[in-house]
C-alpha atoms as a PDB file:
ATOM      1  CA  UNK A   1       0.000   0.000   0.000  1.00  0.00           C
ATOM      2  CA  UNK A   2       1.423   3.374  -0.992  1.00  0.00           C
ATOM      3  CA  UNK A   3       1.777   6.206   1.481  1.00  0.00           C
ATOM      4  CA  UNK A   4      -0.739   9.006   1.020  1.00  0.00           C
ATOM      5  CA  UNK A   5       0.608  12.097  -0.662  1.00  0.00           C
ATOM      6  CA  UNK A   6      -0.201  15.540   0.565  1.00  0.00           C
ATOM      7  CA  UNK A   7       0.988  17.414  -2.473  1.00  0.00           C
ATOM      8  CA  UNK A   8       4.091  19.539  -2.725  1.00  0.00           C
ATOM      9  CA  UNK A   9       6.213  19.898   0.405  1.00  0.00           C
ATOM     10  CA  UNK A  10       6.171  23.359   1.881  1.00  0.00           C
ATOM     11  CA  UNK A  11       9.167  25.117   3.328  1.00  0.00           C
ATOM     12  CA  UNK A  12       9.319  25.098   7.149  1.00  0.00           C
ATOM     13  CA  UNK A  13       8.626  28.825   7.400  1.00  0.00           C
ATOM     14  CA  UNK A  14       5.443  28.368   5.382  1.00  0.00           C
ATOM     15  CA  UNK A  15       4.126  25.600   7.664  1.00  0.00           C
ATOM     16  CA  UNK A  16       3.740  27.751  10.755  1.00  0.00           C
ATOM     17  CA  UNK A  17       5.853  29.021  13.586  1.00  0.00           C
ATOM     18  CA  UNK A  18       7.255  27.739  16.828  1.00  0.00           C
ATOM     19  CA  UNK A  19       6.827  29.661  20.058  1.00  0.00           C
ATOM     20  CA  UNK A  20       8.893  28.669  23.055  1.00  0.00           C
ATOM     21  CA  UNK A  21       7.438  29.670  26.427  1.00  0.00           C
ATOM     22  CA  UNK A  22       9.469  31.925  28.719  1.00  0.00           C
ATOM     23  CA  UNK A  23       9.473  29.233  31.399  1.00  0.00           C
ATOM     24  CA  UNK A  24      11.264  26.858  29.005  1.00  0.00           C
ATOM     25  CA  UNK A  25      14.106  29.332  28.521  1.00  0.00           C
ATOM     26  CA  UNK A  26      14.207  29.887  32.293  1.00  0.00           C
ATOM     27  CA  UNK A  27      14.341  26.176  33.071  1.00  0.00           C
ATOM     28  CA  UNK A  28      17.153  25.551  30.567  1.00  0.00           C
ATOM     29  CA  UNK A  29      19.108  28.516  31.970  1.00  0.00           C
ATOM     30  CA  UNK A  30      18.610  27.437  35.595  1.00  0.00           C
ATOM     31  CA  UNK A  31      19.833  23.936  34.870  1.00  0.00           C
ATOM     32  CA  UNK A  32      22.838  25.256  32.936  1.00  0.00           C
ATOM     33  CA  UNK A  33      23.767  27.575  35.814  1.00  0.00           C
ATOM     34  CA  UNK A  34      23.419  24.733  38.308  1.00  0.00           C
ATOM     35  CA  UNK A  35      25.672  22.504  36.170  1.00  0.00           C
ATOM     36  CA  UNK A  36      28.255  25.280  35.769  1.00  0.00           C
ATOM     37  CA  UNK A  37      28.532  25.627  39.555  1.00  0.00           C
ATOM     38  CA  UNK A  38      28.359  21.931  40.502  1.00  0.00           C
ATOM     39  CA  UNK A  39      32.124  21.451  40.877  1.00  0.00           C
ATOM     40  CA  UNK A  40      32.474  24.601  43.009  1.00  0.00           C
ATOM     41  CA  UNK A  41      30.040  23.168  45.571  1.00  0.00           C
ATOM     42  CA  UNK A  42      31.650  19.701  45.680  1.00  0.00           C
ATOM     43  CA  UNK A  43      32.933  18.814  49.150  1.00  0.00           C
ATOM     44  CA  UNK A  44      30.935  21.507  50.939  1.00  0.00           C
ATOM     45  CA  UNK A  45      28.347  20.658  53.546  1.00  0.00           C
ATOM     46  CA  UNK A  46      26.633  24.049  53.206  1.00  0.00           C
ATOM     47  CA  UNK A  47      25.104  24.693  49.776  1.00  0.00           C
ATOM     48  CA  UNK A  48      23.705  27.816  48.194  1.00  0.00           C
ATOM     49  CA  UNK A  49      20.150  28.327  46.972  1.00  0.00           C
ATOM     50  CA  UNK A  50      19.275  27.180  43.449  1.00  0.00           C
ATOM     51  CA  UNK A  51      19.765  29.779  40.705  1.00  0.00           C
ATOM     52  CA  UNK A  52      16.843  32.159  40.147  1.00  0.00           C
ATOM     53  CA  UNK A  53      16.278  33.002  36.490  1.00  0.00           C
ATOM     54  CA  UNK A  54      14.241  35.555  34.606  1.00  0.00           C
ATOM     55  CA  UNK A  55      14.123  35.989  30.843  1.00  0.00           C
ATOM     56  CA  UNK A  56      13.057  38.672  28.398  1.00  0.00           C
ATOM     57  CA  UNK A  57      12.355  38.118  24.729  1.00  0.00           C
ATOM     58  CA  UNK A  58      12.970  41.390  22.886  1.00  0.00           C
ATOM     59  CA  UNK A  59      12.312  40.487  19.260  1.00  0.00           C
ATOM     60  CA  UNK A  60      14.003  37.322  18.056  1.00  0.00           C
ATOM     61  CA  UNK A  61      16.608  37.138  20.836  1.00  0.00           C
ATOM     62  CA  UNK A  62      16.526  36.209  24.499  1.00  0.00           C
ATOM     63  CA  UNK A  63      18.067  38.056  27.434  1.00  0.00           C
ATOM     64  CA  UNK A  64      18.682  36.012  30.578  1.00  0.00           C
ATOM     65  CA  UNK A  65      19.220  37.193  34.171  1.00  0.00           C
ATOM     66  CA  UNK A  66      20.606  34.593  36.572  1.00  0.00           C
ATOM     67  CA  UNK A  67      20.850  35.233  40.320  1.00  0.00           C
ATOM     68  CA  UNK A  68      23.210  32.817  42.060  1.00  0.00           C
ATOM     69  CA  UNK A  69      24.749  32.069  45.423  1.00  0.00           C
ATOM     70  CA  UNK A  70      28.460  31.321  45.214  1.00  0.00           C
ATOM     71  CA  UNK A  71      30.806  29.524  47.596  1.00  0.00           C
ATOM     72  CA  UNK A  72      33.387  31.711  49.281  1.00  0.00           C
ATOM     73  CA  UNK A  73      36.330  31.755  49.078  1.00  0.00           C
ATOM     74  CA  UNK A  74      36.428  30.998  45.355  1.00  0.00           C
ATOM     75  CA  UNK A  75      37.241  32.613  42.022  1.00  0.00           C
ATOM     76  CA  UNK A  76      34.001  34.588  41.829  1.00  0.00           C
ATOM     77  CA  UNK A  77      34.729  36.139  38.430  1.00  0.00           C
ATOM     78  CA  UNK A  78      35.618  32.725  37.004  1.00  0.00           C
ATOM     79  CA  UNK A  79      32.450  31.142  38.370  1.00  0.00           C
ATOM     80  CA  UNK A  80      30.282  33.979  37.023  1.00  0.00           C
ATOM     81  CA  UNK A  81      31.963  33.643  33.611  1.00  0.00           C
ATOM     82  CA  UNK A  82      31.366  29.873  33.616  1.00  0.00           C
ATOM     83  CA  UNK A  83      27.676  30.438  34.392  1.00  0.00           C
ATOM     84  CA  UNK A  84      27.341  33.078  31.677  1.00  0.00           C
ATOM     85  CA  UNK A  85      29.040  30.934  29.022  1.00  0.00           C
ATOM     86  CA  UNK A  86      27.177  27.739  29.850  1.00  0.00           C
ATOM     87  CA  UNK A  87      23.776  29.439  30.017  1.00  0.00           C
ATOM     88  CA  UNK A  88      24.334  31.163  26.664  1.00  0.00           C
ATOM     89  CA  UNK A  89      25.529  27.955  24.997  1.00  0.00           C
ATOM     90  CA  UNK A  90      22.750  25.729  26.295  1.00  0.00           C
ATOM     91  CA  UNK A  91      19.871  28.151  25.740  1.00  0.00           C
ATOM     92  CA  UNK A  92      21.053  28.810  22.203  1.00  0.00           C
ATOM     93  CA  UNK A  93      21.850  25.157  21.522  1.00  0.00           C
ATOM     94  CA  UNK A  94      18.559  23.735  22.791  1.00  0.00           C
ATOM     95  CA  UNK A  95      16.216  26.389  21.426  1.00  0.00           C
ATOM     96  CA  UNK A  96      17.996  27.824  18.399  1.00  0.00           C
ATOM     97  CA  UNK A  97      17.321  31.316  19.746  1.00  0.00           C
ATOM     98  CA  UNK A  98      20.152  33.847  19.771  1.00  0.00           C
ATOM     99  CA  UNK A  99      21.101  34.896  23.304  1.00  0.00           C
ATOM    100  CA  UNK A 100      21.746  38.640  23.301  1.00  0.00           C
ATOM    101  CA  UNK A 101      22.869  38.890  26.918  1.00  0.00           C
ATOM    102  CA  UNK A 102      23.329  36.837  30.080  1.00  0.00           C
ATOM    103  CA  UNK A 103      23.514  38.882  33.274  1.00  0.00           C
ATOM    104  CA  UNK A 104      24.871  37.018  36.300  1.00  0.00           C
ATOM    105  CA  UNK A 105      24.015  38.571  39.656  1.00  0.00           C
ATOM    106  CA  UNK A 106      25.764  37.235  42.742  1.00  0.00           C
ATOM    107  CA  UNK A 107      23.017  37.393  45.363  1.00  0.00           C
ATOM    108  CA  UNK A 108      24.895  35.733  48.204  1.00  0.00           C
ATOM    109  CA  UNK A 109      28.296  34.394  49.187  1.00  0.00           C
ATOM    110  CA  UNK A 110      28.187  31.181  51.216  1.00  0.00           C
ATOM    111  CA  UNK A 111      31.072  30.722  53.627  1.00  0.00           C
ATOM    112  CA  UNK A 112      32.089  27.637  55.539  1.00  0.00           C
ATOM    113  CA  UNK A 113      30.922  24.113  55.030  1.00  0.00           C
ATOM    114  CA  UNK A 114      34.244  22.917  53.607  1.00  0.00           C
ATOM    115  CA  UNK A 115      34.860  19.326  54.618  1.00  0.00           C
END
């Protein structure tokens, strides 16, 4: 039995559009931030709060704001850079949306808890 034909194939842009919810971008960014900081928290008994993420979609790009708690002492600039790079890469990679900016805000420094 032959497969039914639907006529000429249309280009993807002519078939419709895809809308990704803000919460999807936020969830991807939160997980990426968590993964970027996982090694920094290894061996500590006191952990920081999970990253808090907000997103804005101005046009066809996404802007991400990530609020994190970081262990102290540590290379804070290096950790913030790792978060920024990983969030940008994963949001762009998973959604195909260009990331215009990732703002990392250090909300809290967590001292102690080193075992």
